[in-house]
Full PDB file with SEQRES, HELIX, SHEET, SSBOND, CRYST1, ORIGX, SCALE, CONECT and MASTER records, all heavy atoms in Angstrom:
SEQRES   1 A   46  GLN ASP HIS SER PHE ALA SER TYR LEU LEU PHE ALA GLN          
SEQRES   2 A   46  LEU ILE ALA ASP SER ALA LEU THR CYS PRO VAL PHE TRP          
SEQRES   3 A   46  LEU PRO GLY ASN HIS ASP ASP ILE SER ALA MET GLN ARG          
SEQRES   4 A   46  ILE SER GLY GLY GLN ILE ASN                                  
HELIX    1 AA1 PHE A    5  ASP A   17  1                                  13    
HELIX    2 AA2 ILE A   34  ARG A   39  1                                   6    
CRYST1    1.000    1.000    1.000  90.00  90.00  90.00 P 1           1          
ORIGX1      1.000000  0.000000  0.000000        0.00000                         
ORIGX2      0.000000  1.000000  0.000000        0.00000                         
ORIGX3      0.000000  0.000000  1.000000        0.00000                         
SCALE1      1.000000  0.000000  0.000000        0.00000                         
SCALE2      0.000000  1.000000  0.000000        0.00000                         
SCALE3      0.000000  0.000000  1.000000        0.00000                         
ATOM      1  N   GLN A   1      84.957  96.526 100.701  1.00  0.00           N  
ATOM      2  CA  GLN A   1      84.132  97.298  99.779  1.00  0.00           C  
ATOM      3  C   GLN A   1      83.003  97.952 100.548  1.00  0.00           C  
ATOM      4  O   GLN A   1      82.611  99.099 100.238  1.00  0.00           O  
ATOM      5  CB  GLN A   1      83.531  96.375  98.727  1.00  0.00           C  
ATOM      6  CG  GLN A   1      82.563  97.043  97.767  1.00  0.00           C  
ATOM      7  CD  GLN A   1      83.207  98.193  97.005  1.00  0.00           C  
ATOM      8  OE1 GLN A   1      84.398  98.235  96.773  1.00  0.00           O  
ATOM      9  NE2 GLN A   1      82.359  99.185  96.626  1.00  0.00           N  
ATOM     10  N   ASP A   2      82.461  97.312 101.580  1.00  0.00           N  
ATOM     11  CA  ASP A   2      81.336  97.925 102.321  1.00  0.00           C  
ATOM     12  C   ASP A   2      81.774  98.658 103.578  1.00  0.00           C  
ATOM     13  O   ASP A   2      80.977  99.189 104.332  1.00  0.00           O  
ATOM     14  CB  ASP A   2      80.272  96.853 102.671  1.00  0.00           C  
ATOM     15  CG  ASP A   2      80.787  95.807 103.663  1.00  0.00           C  
ATOM     16  OD1 ASP A   2      81.936  95.882 104.145  1.00  0.00           O  
ATOM     17  OD2 ASP A   2      80.011  94.858 103.952  1.00  0.00           O  
ATOM     18  N   HIS A   3      83.078  98.698 103.858  1.00  0.00           N  
ATOM     19  CA  HIS A   3      83.649  99.455 104.964  1.00  0.00           C  
ATOM     20  C   HIS A   3      83.200  98.964 106.350  1.00  0.00           C  
ATOM     21  O   HIS A   3      83.323  99.670 107.326  1.00  0.00           O  
ATOM     22  CB  HIS A   3      83.353 100.949 104.819  1.00  0.00           C  
ATOM     23  CG  HIS A   3      83.824 101.513 103.477  1.00  0.00           C  
ATOM     24  ND1 HIS A   3      85.126 101.880 103.250  1.00  0.00           N  
ATOM     25  CD2 HIS A   3      83.123 101.687 102.322  1.00  0.00           C  
ATOM     26  CE1 HIS A   3      85.213 102.306 102.000  1.00  0.00           C  
ATOM     27  NE2 HIS A   3      84.057 102.192 101.419  1.00  0.00           N  
ATOM     28  N   SER A   4      82.741  97.749 106.399  1.00  0.00           N  
ATOM     29  CA  SER A   4      82.300  97.144 107.694  1.00  0.00           C  
ATOM     30  C   SER A   4      83.496  96.483 108.370  1.00  0.00           C  
ATOM     31  O   SER A   4      84.371  95.928 107.666  1.00  0.00           O  
ATOM     32  CB  SER A   4      81.197  96.132 107.465  1.00  0.00           C  
ATOM     33  OG  SER A   4      81.697  95.007 106.743  1.00  0.00           O  
ATOM     34  N   PHE A   5      83.526  96.484 109.673  1.00  0.00           N  
ATOM     35  CA  PHE A   5      84.602  95.781 110.356  1.00  0.00           C  
ATOM     36  C   PHE A   5      84.463  94.250 110.111  1.00  0.00           C  
ATOM     37  O   PHE A   5      85.468  93.535 110.113  1.00  0.00           O  
ATOM     38  CB  PHE A   5      84.630  96.067 111.850  1.00  0.00           C  
ATOM     39  CG  PHE A   5      85.840  95.447 112.568  1.00  0.00           C  
ATOM     40  CD1 PHE A   5      87.110  95.840 112.217  1.00  0.00           C  
ATOM     41  CD2 PHE A   5      85.648  94.467 113.524  1.00  0.00           C  
ATOM     42  CE1 PHE A   5      88.187  95.223 112.838  1.00  0.00           C  
ATOM     43  CE2 PHE A   5      86.735  93.886 114.145  1.00  0.00           C  
ATOM     44  CZ  PHE A   5      88.010  94.275 113.800  1.00  0.00           C  
ATOM     45  N   ALA A   6      83.246  93.818 109.878  1.00  0.00           N  
ATOM     46  CA  ALA A   6      83.051  92.373 109.576  1.00  0.00           C  
ATOM     47  C   ALA A   6      83.783  91.956 108.323  1.00  0.00           C  
ATOM     48  O   ALA A   6      84.198  90.801 108.203  1.00  0.00           O  
ATOM     49  CB  ALA A   6      81.529  92.114 109.458  1.00  0.00           C  
ATOM     50  N   SER A   7      83.958  92.890 107.349  1.00  0.00           N  
ATOM     51  CA  SER A   7      84.713  92.500 106.165  1.00  0.00           C  
ATOM     52  C   SER A   7      86.200  92.281 106.465  1.00  0.00           C  
ATOM     53  O   SER A   7      86.862  91.439 105.874  1.00  0.00           O  
ATOM     54  CB  SER A   7      84.563  93.605 105.081  1.00  0.00           C  
ATOM     55  OG  SER A   7      85.124  94.825 105.476  1.00  0.00           O  
ATOM     56  N   TYR A   8      86.701  93.040 107.445  1.00  0.00           N  
ATOM     57  CA  TYR A   8      88.108  92.836 107.896  1.00  0.00           C  
ATOM     58  C   TYR A   8      88.221  91.471 108.583  1.00  0.00           C  
ATOM     59  O   TYR A   8      89.194  90.749 108.413  1.00  0.00           O  
ATOM     60  CB  TYR A   8      88.535  93.962 108.803  1.00  0.00           C  
ATOM     61  CG  TYR A   8      88.679  95.289 108.132  1.00  0.00           C  
ATOM     62  CD1 TYR A   8      87.543  96.099 108.012  1.00  0.00           C  
ATOM     63  CD2 TYR A   8      89.879  95.790 107.647  1.00  0.00           C  
ATOM     64  CE1 TYR A   8      87.640  97.368 107.392  1.00  0.00           C  
ATOM     65  CE2 TYR A   8      89.996  97.012 107.005  1.00  0.00           C  
ATOM     66  CZ  TYR A   8      88.841  97.779 106.888  1.00  0.00           C  
ATOM     67  OH  TYR A   8      88.976  98.989 106.264  1.00  0.00           O  
ATOM     68  N   LEU A   9      87.220  91.178 109.401  1.00  0.00           N  
ATOM     69  CA  LEU A   9      87.232  89.859 110.085  1.00  0.00           C  
ATOM     70  C   LEU A   9      87.120  88.711 109.063  1.00  0.00           C  
ATOM     71  O   LEU A   9      87.746  87.671 109.239  1.00  0.00           O  
ATOM     72  CB  LEU A   9      86.050  89.769 111.053  1.00  0.00           C  
ATOM     73  CG  LEU A   9      86.175  90.737 112.248  1.00  0.00           C  
ATOM     74  CD1 LEU A   9      84.891  90.639 113.139  1.00  0.00           C  
ATOM     75  CD2 LEU A   9      87.401  90.472 113.108  1.00  0.00           C  
ATOM     76  N   LEU A  10      86.348  88.935 107.993  1.00  0.00           N  
ATOM     77  CA  LEU A  10      86.259  87.899 106.973  1.00  0.00           C  
ATOM     78  C   LEU A  10      87.604  87.732 106.261  1.00  0.00           C  
ATOM     79  O   LEU A  10      88.001  86.557 105.991  1.00  0.00           O  
ATOM     80  CB  LEU A  10      85.193  88.327 105.893  1.00  0.00           C  
ATOM     81  CG  LEU A  10      85.039  87.370 104.747  1.00  0.00           C  
ATOM     82  CD1 LEU A  10      84.660  85.940 105.189  1.00  0.00           C  
ATOM     83  CD2 LEU A  10      84.026  87.925 103.765  1.00  0.00           C  
ATOM     84  N   PHE A  11      88.321  88.798 105.998  1.00  0.00           N  
ATOM     85  CA  PHE A  11      89.668  88.705 105.425  1.00  0.00           C  
ATOM     86  C   PHE A  11      90.536  87.833 106.293  1.00  0.00           C  
ATOM     87  O   PHE A  11      91.233  86.892 105.790  1.00  0.00           O  
ATOM     88  CB  PHE A  11      90.247  90.135 105.339  1.00  0.00           C  
ATOM     89  CG  PHE A  11      91.695  90.219 104.845  1.00  0.00           C  
ATOM     90  CD1 PHE A  11      91.970  90.260 103.480  1.00  0.00           C  
ATOM     91  CD2 PHE A  11      92.727  90.329 105.735  1.00  0.00           C  
ATOM     92  CE1 PHE A  11      93.265  90.377 103.029  1.00  0.00           C  
ATOM     93  CE2 PHE A  11      94.018  90.447 105.291  1.00  0.00           C  
ATOM     94  CZ  PHE A  11      94.321  90.491 103.926  1.00  0.00           C  
ATOM     95  N   ALA A  12      90.560  88.083 107.622  1.00  0.00           N  
ATOM     96  CA  ALA A  12      91.355  87.289 108.559  1.00  0.00           C  
ATOM     97  C   ALA A  12      90.908  85.820 108.580  1.00  0.00           C  
ATOM     98  O   ALA A  12      91.770  84.923 108.638  1.00  0.00           O  
ATOM     99  CB  ALA A  12      91.314  87.909 109.923  1.00  0.00           C  
ATOM    100  N   GLN A  13      89.609  85.623 108.526  1.00  0.00           N  
ATOM    101  CA  GLN A  13      89.059  84.272 108.578  1.00  0.00           C  
ATOM    102  C   GLN A  13      89.421  83.462 107.319  1.00  0.00           C  
ATOM    103  O   GLN A  13      89.775  82.290 107.420  1.00  0.00           O  
ATOM    104  CB  GLN A  13      87.575  84.294 108.783  1.00  0.00           C  
ATOM    105  CG  GLN A  13      86.979  82.929 109.129  1.00  0.00           C  
ATOM    106  CD  GLN A  13      87.554  82.320 110.394  1.00  0.00           C  
ATOM    107  OE1 GLN A  13      87.506  83.008 111.430  1.00  0.00           O  
ATOM    108  NE2 GLN A  13      88.077  81.157 110.359  1.00  0.00           N  
ATOM    109  N   LEU A  14      89.333  84.116 106.165  1.00  0.00           N  
ATOM    110  CA  LEU A  14      89.660  83.413 104.923  1.00  0.00           C  
ATOM    111  C   LEU A  14      91.140  82.985 104.874  1.00  0.00           C  
ATOM    112  O   LEU A  14      91.461  81.923 104.404  1.00  0.00           O  
ATOM    113  CB  LEU A  14      89.336  84.295 103.713  1.00  0.00           C  
ATOM    114  CG  LEU A  14      87.863  84.583 103.482  1.00  0.00           C  
ATOM    115  CD1 LEU A  14      87.684  85.631 102.341  1.00  0.00           C  
ATOM    116  CD2 LEU A  14      87.092  83.303 103.127  1.00  0.00           C  
ATOM    117  N   ILE A  15      91.979  83.816 105.433  1.00  0.00           N  
ATOM    118  CA  ILE A  15      93.412  83.461 105.537  1.00  0.00           C  
ATOM    119  C   ILE A  15      93.591  82.316 106.486  1.00  0.00           C  
ATOM    120  O   ILE A  15      94.319  81.352 106.220  1.00  0.00           O  
ATOM    121  CB  ILE A  15      94.244  84.704 105.924  1.00  0.00           C  
ATOM    122  CG1 ILE A  15      94.268  85.734 104.773  1.00  0.00           C  
ATOM    123  CG2 ILE A  15      95.671  84.287 106.303  1.00  0.00           C  
ATOM    124  CD1 ILE A  15      94.888  87.062 105.182  1.00  0.00           C  
ATOM    125  N   ALA A  16      92.936  82.410 107.680  1.00  0.00           N  
ATOM    126  CA  ALA A  16      93.058  81.376 108.685  1.00  0.00           C  
ATOM    127  C   ALA A  16      92.535  80.019 108.165  1.00  0.00           C  
ATOM    128  O   ALA A  16      93.102  78.960 108.509  1.00  0.00           O  
ATOM    129  CB  ALA A  16      92.333  81.774 109.964  1.00  0.00           C  
ATOM    130  N   ASP A  17      91.501  80.048 107.348  1.00  0.00           N  
ATOM    131  CA  ASP A  17      90.904  78.842 106.840  1.00  0.00           C  
ATOM    132  C   ASP A  17      91.661  78.267 105.659  1.00  0.00           C  
ATOM    133  O   ASP A  17      91.379  77.121 105.267  1.00  0.00           O  
ATOM    134  CB  ASP A  17      89.447  79.117 106.431  1.00  0.00           C  
ATOM    135  CG  ASP A  17      88.517  79.355 107.582  1.00  0.00           C  
ATOM    136  OD1 ASP A  17      88.898  79.026 108.738  1.00  0.00           O  
ATOM    137  OD2 ASP A  17      87.413  79.868 107.379  1.00  0.00           O  
ATOM    138  N   SER A  18      92.545  79.019 105.090  1.00  0.00           N  
ATOM    139  CA  SER A  18      93.302  78.554 103.896  1.00  0.00           C  
ATOM    140  C   SER A  18      94.480  77.675 104.328  1.00  0.00           C  
ATOM    141  O   SER A  18      94.806  77.597 105.511  1.00  0.00           O  
ATOM    142  CB  SER A  18      93.793  79.747 103.091  1.00  0.00           C  
ATOM    143  OG  SER A  18      94.930  80.342 103.751  1.00  0.00           O  
ATOM    144  N   ALA A  19      95.155  77.102 103.341  1.00  0.00           N  
ATOM    145  CA  ALA A  19      96.338  76.286 103.564  1.00  0.00           C  
ATOM    146  C   ALA A  19      97.612  77.130 103.588  1.00  0.00           C  
ATOM    147  O   ALA A  19      98.700  76.608 103.755  1.00  0.00           O  
ATOM    148  CB  ALA A  19      96.459  75.199 102.531  1.00  0.00           C  
ATOM    149  N   LEU A  20      97.473  78.445 103.442  1.00  0.00           N  
ATOM    150  CA  LEU A  20      98.611  79.347 103.420  1.00  0.00           C  
ATOM    151  C   LEU A  20      99.214  79.409 104.861  1.00  0.00           C  
ATOM    152  O   LEU A  20      98.509  79.610 105.826  1.00  0.00           O  
ATOM    153  CB  LEU A  20      98.151  80.759 102.978  1.00  0.00           C  
ATOM    154  CG  LEU A  20      99.255  81.768 102.703  1.00  0.00           C  
ATOM    155  CD1 LEU A  20      99.955  81.462 101.368  1.00  0.00           C  
ATOM    156  CD2 LEU A  20      98.636  83.187 102.640  1.00  0.00           C  
ATOM    157  N   THR A  21     100.535  79.281 104.906  1.00  0.00           N  
ATOM    158  CA  THR A  21     101.182  79.229 106.236  1.00  0.00           C  
ATOM    159  C   THR A  21     102.192  80.406 106.448  1.00  0.00           C  
ATOM    160  O   THR A  21     102.587  80.617 107.573  1.00  0.00           O  
ATOM    161  CB  THR A  21     101.948  77.894 106.435  1.00  0.00           C  
ATOM    162  OG1 THR A  21     102.913  77.745 105.375  1.00  0.00           O  
ATOM    163  CG2 THR A  21     101.024  76.738 106.433  1.00  0.00           C  
ATOM    164  N   CYS A  22     102.543  81.112 105.385  1.00  0.00           N  
ATOM    165  CA  CYS A  22     103.500  82.206 105.509  1.00  0.00           C  
ATOM    166  C   CYS A  22     102.835  83.475 106.050  1.00  0.00           C  
ATOM    167  O   CYS A  22     101.608  83.547 106.063  1.00  0.00           O  
ATOM    168  CB  CYS A  22     104.130  82.513 104.157  1.00  0.00           C  
ATOM    169  SG  CYS A  22     103.010  83.224 102.962  1.00  0.00           S  
ATOM    170  N   PRO A  23     103.631  84.426 106.563  1.00  0.00           N  
ATOM    171  CA  PRO A  23     103.018  85.681 107.023  1.00  0.00           C  
ATOM    172  C   PRO A  23     102.421  86.488 105.905  1.00  0.00           C  
ATOM    173  O   PRO A  23     102.873  86.429 104.763  1.00  0.00           O  
ATOM    174  CB  PRO A  23     104.224  86.398 107.708  1.00  0.00           C  
ATOM    175  CG  PRO A  23     105.448  85.790 107.071  1.00  0.00           C  
ATOM    176  CD  PRO A  23     105.085  84.391 106.738  1.00  0.00           C  
ATOM    177  N   VAL A  24     101.389  87.252 106.236  1.00  0.00           N  
ATOM    178  CA  VAL A  24     100.726  88.153 105.318  1.00  0.00           C  
ATOM    179  C   VAL A  24     100.933  89.598 105.816  1.00  0.00           C  
ATOM    180  O   VAL A  24     100.462  89.952 106.931  1.00  0.00           O  
ATOM    181  CB  VAL A  24      99.221  87.849 105.196  1.00  0.00           C  
ATOM    182  CG1 VAL A  24      98.528  88.840 104.289  1.00  0.00           C  
ATOM    183  CG2 VAL A  24      99.015  86.413 104.697  1.00  0.00           C  
ATOM    184  N   PHE A  25     101.613  90.369 105.034  1.00  0.00           N  
ATOM    185  CA  PHE A  25     101.865  91.777 105.355  1.00  0.00           C  
ATOM    186  C   PHE A  25     100.889  92.618 104.522  1.00  0.00           C  
ATOM    187  O   PHE A  25     100.360  92.184 103.523  1.00  0.00           O  
ATOM    188  CB  PHE A  25     103.312  92.184 105.023  1.00  0.00           C  
ATOM    189  CG  PHE A  25     104.338  91.374 105.844  1.00  0.00           C  
ATOM    190  CD1 PHE A  25     104.825  90.185 105.317  1.00  0.00           C  
ATOM    191  CD2 PHE A  25     104.776  91.827 107.044  1.00  0.00           C  
ATOM    192  CE1 PHE A  25     105.756  89.419 106.045  1.00  0.00           C  
ATOM    193  CE2 PHE A  25     105.686  91.083 107.774  1.00  0.00           C  
ATOM    194  CZ  PHE A  25     106.169  89.891 107.268  1.00  0.00           C  
ATOM    195  N   TRP A  26     100.616  93.889 105.005  1.00  0.00           N  
ATOM    196  CA  TRP A  26      99.624  94.676 104.309  1.00  0.00           C  
ATOM    197  C   TRP A  26     100.005  96.140 104.246  1.00  0.00           C  
ATOM    198  O   TRP A  26     100.815  96.658 105.035  1.00  0.00           O  
ATOM    199  CB  TRP A  26      98.268  94.530 105.025  1.00  0.00           C  
ATOM    200  CG  TRP A  26      98.264  94.877 106.498  1.00  0.00           C  
ATOM    201  CD1 TRP A  26      98.424  94.013 107.525  1.00  0.00           C  
ATOM    202  CD2 TRP A  26      98.135  96.189 107.085  1.00  0.00           C  
ATOM    203  NE1 TRP A  26      98.385  94.672 108.722  1.00  0.00           N  
ATOM    204  CE2 TRP A  26      98.215  96.033 108.459  1.00  0.00           C  
ATOM    205  CE3 TRP A  26      97.952  97.487 106.522  1.00  0.00           C  
ATOM    206  CZ2 TRP A  26      98.127  97.090 109.355  1.00  0.00           C  
ATOM    207  CZ3 TRP A  26      97.846  98.576 107.417  1.00  0.00           C  
ATOM    208  CH2 TRP A  26      97.942  98.354 108.801  1.00  0.00           C  
ATOM    209  N   LEU A  27      99.416  96.808 103.318  1.00  0.00           N  
ATOM    210  CA  LEU A  27      99.433  98.257 103.213  1.00  0.00           C  
ATOM    211  C   LEU A  27      98.037  98.721 102.848  1.00  0.00           C  
ATOM    212  O   LEU A  27      97.219  97.968 102.312  1.00  0.00           O  
ATOM    213  CB  LEU A  27     100.449  98.804 102.225  1.00  0.00           C  
ATOM    214  CG  LEU A  27     100.433  98.227 100.807  1.00  0.00           C  
ATOM    215  CD1 LEU A  27      99.424  99.006  99.906  1.00  0.00           C  
ATOM    216  CD2 LEU A  27     101.848  98.309 100.188  1.00  0.00           C  
ATOM    217  N   PRO A  28      97.643  99.948 103.200  1.00  0.00           N  
ATOM    218  CA  PRO A  28      96.204 100.374 103.047  1.00  0.00           C  
ATOM    219  C   PRO A  28      95.928 100.882 101.664  1.00  0.00           C  
ATOM    220  O   PRO A  28      96.770 101.510 101.031  1.00  0.00           O  
ATOM    221  CB  PRO A  28      96.078 101.463 104.100  1.00  0.00           C  
ATOM    222  CG  PRO A  28      97.453 102.096 104.164  1.00  0.00           C  
ATOM    223  CD  PRO A  28      98.434 100.964 103.947  1.00  0.00           C  
ATOM    224  N   GLY A  29      94.697 100.629 101.228  1.00  0.00           N  
ATOM    225  CA  GLY A  29      94.160 101.235 100.005  1.00  0.00           C  
ATOM    226  C   GLY A  29      93.195 102.394 100.397  1.00  0.00           C  
ATOM    227  O   GLY A  29      92.936 102.642 101.581  1.00  0.00           O  
ATOM    228  N   ASN A  30      92.662 103.047  99.373  1.00  0.00           N  
ATOM    229  CA  ASN A  30      91.768 104.150  99.646  1.00  0.00           C  
ATOM    230  C   ASN A  30      90.492 103.730 100.344  1.00  0.00           C  
ATOM    231  O   ASN A  30      89.850 104.531 101.034  1.00  0.00           O  
ATOM    232  CB  ASN A  30      91.461 104.909  98.358  1.00  0.00           C  
ATOM    233  CG  ASN A  30      91.069 104.020  97.208  1.00  0.00           C  
ATOM    234  OD1 ASN A  30      91.888 103.283  96.699  1.00  0.00           O  
ATOM    235  ND2 ASN A  30      89.790 104.040  96.831  1.00  0.00           N  
ATOM    236  N   HIS A  31      90.077 102.472 100.178  1.00  0.00           N  
ATOM    237  CA  HIS A  31      88.827 102.023 100.824  1.00  0.00           C  
ATOM    238  C   HIS A  31      89.067 101.660 102.311  1.00  0.00           C  
ATOM    239  O   HIS A  31      88.101 101.487 103.022  1.00  0.00           O  
ATOM    240  CB  HIS A  31      88.315 100.761 100.104  1.00  0.00           C  
ATOM    241  CG  HIS A  31      87.567 101.034  98.852  1.00  0.00           C  
ATOM    242  ND1 HIS A  31      86.192 101.000  98.835  1.00  0.00           N  
ATOM    243  CD2 HIS A  31      87.977 101.330  97.606  1.00  0.00           C  
ATOM    244  CE1 HIS A  31      85.770 101.290  97.603  1.00  0.00           C  
ATOM    245  NE2 HIS A  31      86.853 101.460  96.825  1.00  0.00           N  
ATOM    246  N   ASP A  32      90.313 101.508 102.719  1.00  0.00           N  
ATOM    247  CA  ASP A  32      90.605 100.876 103.976  1.00  0.00           C  
ATOM    248  C   ASP A  32      90.756 101.840 105.145  1.00  0.00           C  
ATOM    249  O   ASP A  32      91.095 102.987 105.002  1.00  0.00           O  
ATOM    250  CB  ASP A  32      91.885 100.038 103.856  1.00  0.00           C  
ATOM    251  CG  ASP A  32      91.803  98.989 102.785  1.00  0.00           C  
ATOM    252  OD1 ASP A  32      90.664  98.420 102.628  1.00  0.00           O  
ATOM    253  OD2 ASP A  32      92.761  98.693 102.098  1.00  0.00           O  
ATOM    254  N   ASP A  33      90.501 101.313 106.336  1.00  0.00           N  
ATOM    255  CA  ASP A  33      90.750 101.982 107.565  1.00  0.00           C  
ATOM    256  C   ASP A  33      91.952 101.381 108.261  1.00  0.00           C  
ATOM    257  O   ASP A  33      91.957 100.201 108.547  1.00  0.00           O  
ATOM    258  CB  ASP A  33      89.489 101.879 108.480  1.00  0.00           C  
ATOM    259  CG  ASP A  33      89.715 102.605 109.819  1.00  0.00           C  
ATOM    260  OD1 ASP A  33      89.468 103.818 109.816  1.00  0.00           O  
ATOM    261  OD2 ASP A  33      90.056 101.918 110.778  1.00  0.00           O  
ATOM    262  N   ILE A  34      92.988 102.158 108.434  1.00  0.00           N  
ATOM    263  CA  ILE A  34      94.253 101.647 108.969  1.00  0.00           C  
ATOM    264  C   ILE A  34      94.087 101.054 110.329  1.00  0.00           C  
ATOM    265  O   ILE A  34      94.630  99.975 110.671  1.00  0.00           O  
ATOM    266  CB  ILE A  34      95.340 102.699 108.942  1.00  0.00           C  
ATOM    267  CG1 ILE A  34      95.729 103.106 107.489  1.00  0.00           C  
ATOM    268  CG2 ILE A  34      96.596 102.240 109.665  1.00  0.00           C  
ATOM    269  CD1 ILE A  34      96.693 104.244 107.378  1.00  0.00           C  
ATOM    270  N   SER A  35      93.275 101.663 111.158  1.00  0.00           N  
ATOM    271  CA  SER A  35      93.066 101.137 112.531  1.00  0.00           C  
ATOM    272  C   SER A  35      92.387  99.772 112.486  1.00  0.00           C  
ATOM    273  O   SER A  35      92.661  98.905 113.292  1.00  0.00           O  
ATOM    274  CB  SER A  35      92.268 102.137 113.367  1.00  0.00           C  
ATOM    275  OG  SER A  35      90.958 102.283 112.851  1.00  0.00           O  
ATOM    276  N   ALA A  36      91.459  99.577 111.549  1.00  0.00           N  
ATOM    277  CA  ALA A  36      90.789  98.286 111.407  1.00  0.00           C  
ATOM    278  C   ALA A  36      91.790  97.223 110.944  1.00  0.00           C  
ATOM    279  O   ALA A  36      91.775  96.079 111.406  1.00  0.00           O  
ATOM    280  CB  ALA A  36      89.614  98.375 110.449  1.00  0.00           C  
ATOM    281  N   MET A  37      92.703  97.590 110.042  1.00  0.00           N  
ATOM    282  CA  MET A  37      93.686  96.657 109.587  1.00  0.00           C  
ATOM    283  C   MET A  37      94.659  96.292 110.736  1.00  0.00           C  
ATOM    284  O   MET A  37      95.082  95.141 110.855  1.00  0.00           O  
ATOM    285  CB  MET A  37      94.460  97.220 108.369  1.00  0.00           C  
ATOM    286  CG  MET A  37      93.556  97.508 107.175  1.00  0.00           C  
ATOM    287  SD  MET A  37      94.443  98.048 105.710  1.00  0.00           S  
ATOM    288  CE  MET A  37      94.820  96.495 104.925  1.00  0.00           C  
ATOM    289  N   GLN A  38      94.968  97.273 111.543  1.00  0.00           N  
ATOM    290  CA  GLN A  38      95.817  96.959 112.697  1.00  0.00           C  
ATOM    291  C   GLN A  38      95.107  96.074 113.714  1.00  0.00           C  
ATOM    292  O   GLN A  38      95.740  95.217 114.324  1.00  0.00           O  
ATOM    293  CB  GLN A  38      96.263  98.271 113.373  1.00  0.00           C  
ATOM    294  CG  GLN A  38      97.191  99.086 112.515  1.00  0.00           C  
ATOM    295  CD  GLN A  38      97.436 100.490 113.062  1.00  0.00           C  
ATOM    296  OE1 GLN A  38      96.610 101.056 113.758  1.00  0.00           O  
ATOM    297  NE2 GLN A  38      98.580 101.059 112.721  1.00  0.00           N  
ATOM    298  N   ARG A  39      93.799  96.183 113.844  1.00  0.00           N  
ATOM    299  CA  ARG A  39      93.037  95.401 114.812  1.00  0.00           C  
ATOM    300  C   ARG A  39      93.043  93.896 114.467  1.00  0.00           C  
ATOM    301  O   ARG A  39      93.017  93.051 115.312  1.00  0.00           O  
ATOM    302  CB  ARG A  39      91.602  95.893 114.901  1.00  0.00           C  
ATOM    303  CG  ARG A  39      91.420  97.176 115.700  1.00  0.00           C  
ATOM    304  CD  ARG A  39      90.001  97.656 115.687  1.00  0.00           C  
ATOM    305  NE  ARG A  39      89.058  96.703 116.310  1.00  0.00           N  
ATOM    306  CZ  ARG A  39      87.769  96.825 116.330  1.00  0.00           C  
ATOM    307  NH1 ARG A  39      87.211  97.832 115.688  1.00  0.00           N  
ATOM    308  NH2 ARG A  39      86.986  95.922 116.925  1.00  0.00           N  
ATOM    309  N   ILE A  40      93.088  93.598 113.131  1.00  0.00           N  
ATOM    310  CA  ILE A  40      93.106  92.180 112.713  1.00  0.00           C  
ATOM    311  C   ILE A  40      94.538  91.643 112.597  1.00  0.00           C  
ATOM    312  O   ILE A  40      94.758  90.453 112.283  1.00  0.00           O  
ATOM    313  CB  ILE A  40      92.378  91.965 111.384  1.00  0.00           C  
ATOM    314  CG1 ILE A  40      93.031  92.719 110.245  1.00  0.00           C  
ATOM    315  CG2 ILE A  40      90.897  92.317 111.540  1.00  0.00           C  
ATOM    316  CD1 ILE A  40      92.533  92.298 108.868  1.00  0.00           C  
ATOM    317  N   SER A  41      95.559  92.521 112.876  1.00  0.00           N  
ATOM    318  CA  SER A  41      96.938  92.060 112.783  1.00  0.00           C  
ATOM    319  C   SER A  41      97.377  91.367 114.060  1.00  0.00           C  
ATOM    320  O   SER A  41      96.883  91.643 115.152  1.00  0.00           O  
ATOM    321  CB  SER A  41      97.859  93.250 112.525  1.00  0.00           C  
ATOM    322  OG  SER A  41      97.577  93.876 111.287  1.00  0.00           O  
ATOM    323  N   GLY A  42      98.280  90.433 113.876  1.00  0.00           N  
ATOM    324  CA  GLY A  42      98.777  89.614 114.998  1.00  0.00           C  
ATOM    325  C   GLY A  42      98.772  88.155 114.519  1.00  0.00           C  
ATOM    326  O   GLY A  42      97.852  87.726 113.846  1.00  0.00           O  
ATOM    327  N   GLY A  43      99.816  87.432 114.803  1.00  0.00           N  
ATOM    328  CA  GLY A  43      99.921  86.106 114.307  1.00  0.00           C  
ATOM    329  C   GLY A  43     100.302  86.133 112.834  1.00  0.00           C  
ATOM    330  O   GLY A  43     101.249  86.802 112.440  1.00  0.00           O  
ATOM    331  N   GLN A  44      99.536  85.444 112.002  1.00  0.00           N  
ATOM    332  CA  GLN A  44      99.879  85.317 110.569  1.00  0.00           C  
ATOM    333  C   GLN A  44      99.782  86.647 109.832  1.00  0.00           C  
ATOM    334  O   GLN A  44     100.561  86.937 108.964  1.00  0.00           O  
ATOM    335  CB  GLN A  44      98.984  84.295 109.913  1.00  0.00           C  
ATOM    336  CG  GLN A  44      99.393  83.949 108.466  1.00  0.00           C  
ATOM    337  CD  GLN A  44      98.631  82.790 107.888  1.00  0.00           C  
ATOM    338  OE1 GLN A  44      97.625  82.343 108.461  1.00  0.00           O  
ATOM    339  NE2 GLN A  44      99.033  82.324 106.726  1.00  0.00           N  
ATOM    340  N   ILE A  45      98.813  87.488 110.214  1.00  0.00           N  
ATOM    341  CA  ILE A  45      98.676  88.799 109.626  1.00  0.00           C  
ATOM    342  C   ILE A  45      99.608  89.751 110.362  1.00  0.00           C  
ATOM    343  O   ILE A  45      99.432  89.995 111.586  1.00  0.00           O  
ATOM    344  CB  ILE A  45      97.240  89.301 109.647  1.00  0.00           C  
ATOM    345  CG1 ILE A  45      96.329  88.327 108.845  1.00  0.00           C  
ATOM    346  CG2 ILE A  45      97.147  90.717 109.028  1.00  0.00           C  
ATOM    347  CD1 ILE A  45      94.863  88.676 108.899  1.00  0.00           C  
ATOM    348  N   ASN A  46     100.552  90.311 109.687  1.00  0.00           N  
ATOM    349  CA  ASN A  46     101.710  91.002 110.296  1.00  0.00           C  
ATOM    350  C   ASN A  46     101.656  92.495 109.822  1.00  0.00           C  
ATOM    351  O   ASN A  46     101.564  92.745 108.659  1.00  0.00           O  
ATOM    352  CB  ASN A  46     102.993  90.338 109.910  1.00  0.00           C  
ATOM    353  CG  ASN A  46     104.188  90.812 110.719  1.00  0.00           C  
ATOM    354  OD1 ASN A  46     104.424  92.035 110.901  1.00  0.00           O  
ATOM    355  ND2 ASN A  46     104.975  89.868 111.233  1.00  0.00           N  
TER     356      ASN A  46                                                      
MASTER        0    0    0    2    0    0    0    6  355    1    0    4          
END                                                                             
């Protein structure tokens, strides 16, 4: 919502801190920066 890279890091951290173990795939919305989404990808975020 605030377009900060810290919000992308929070997304990754909330997933890492959860009990979810399956991969998380993504597509971009109008608020999102594709390069920032790619930067947090790797491991569980695919």
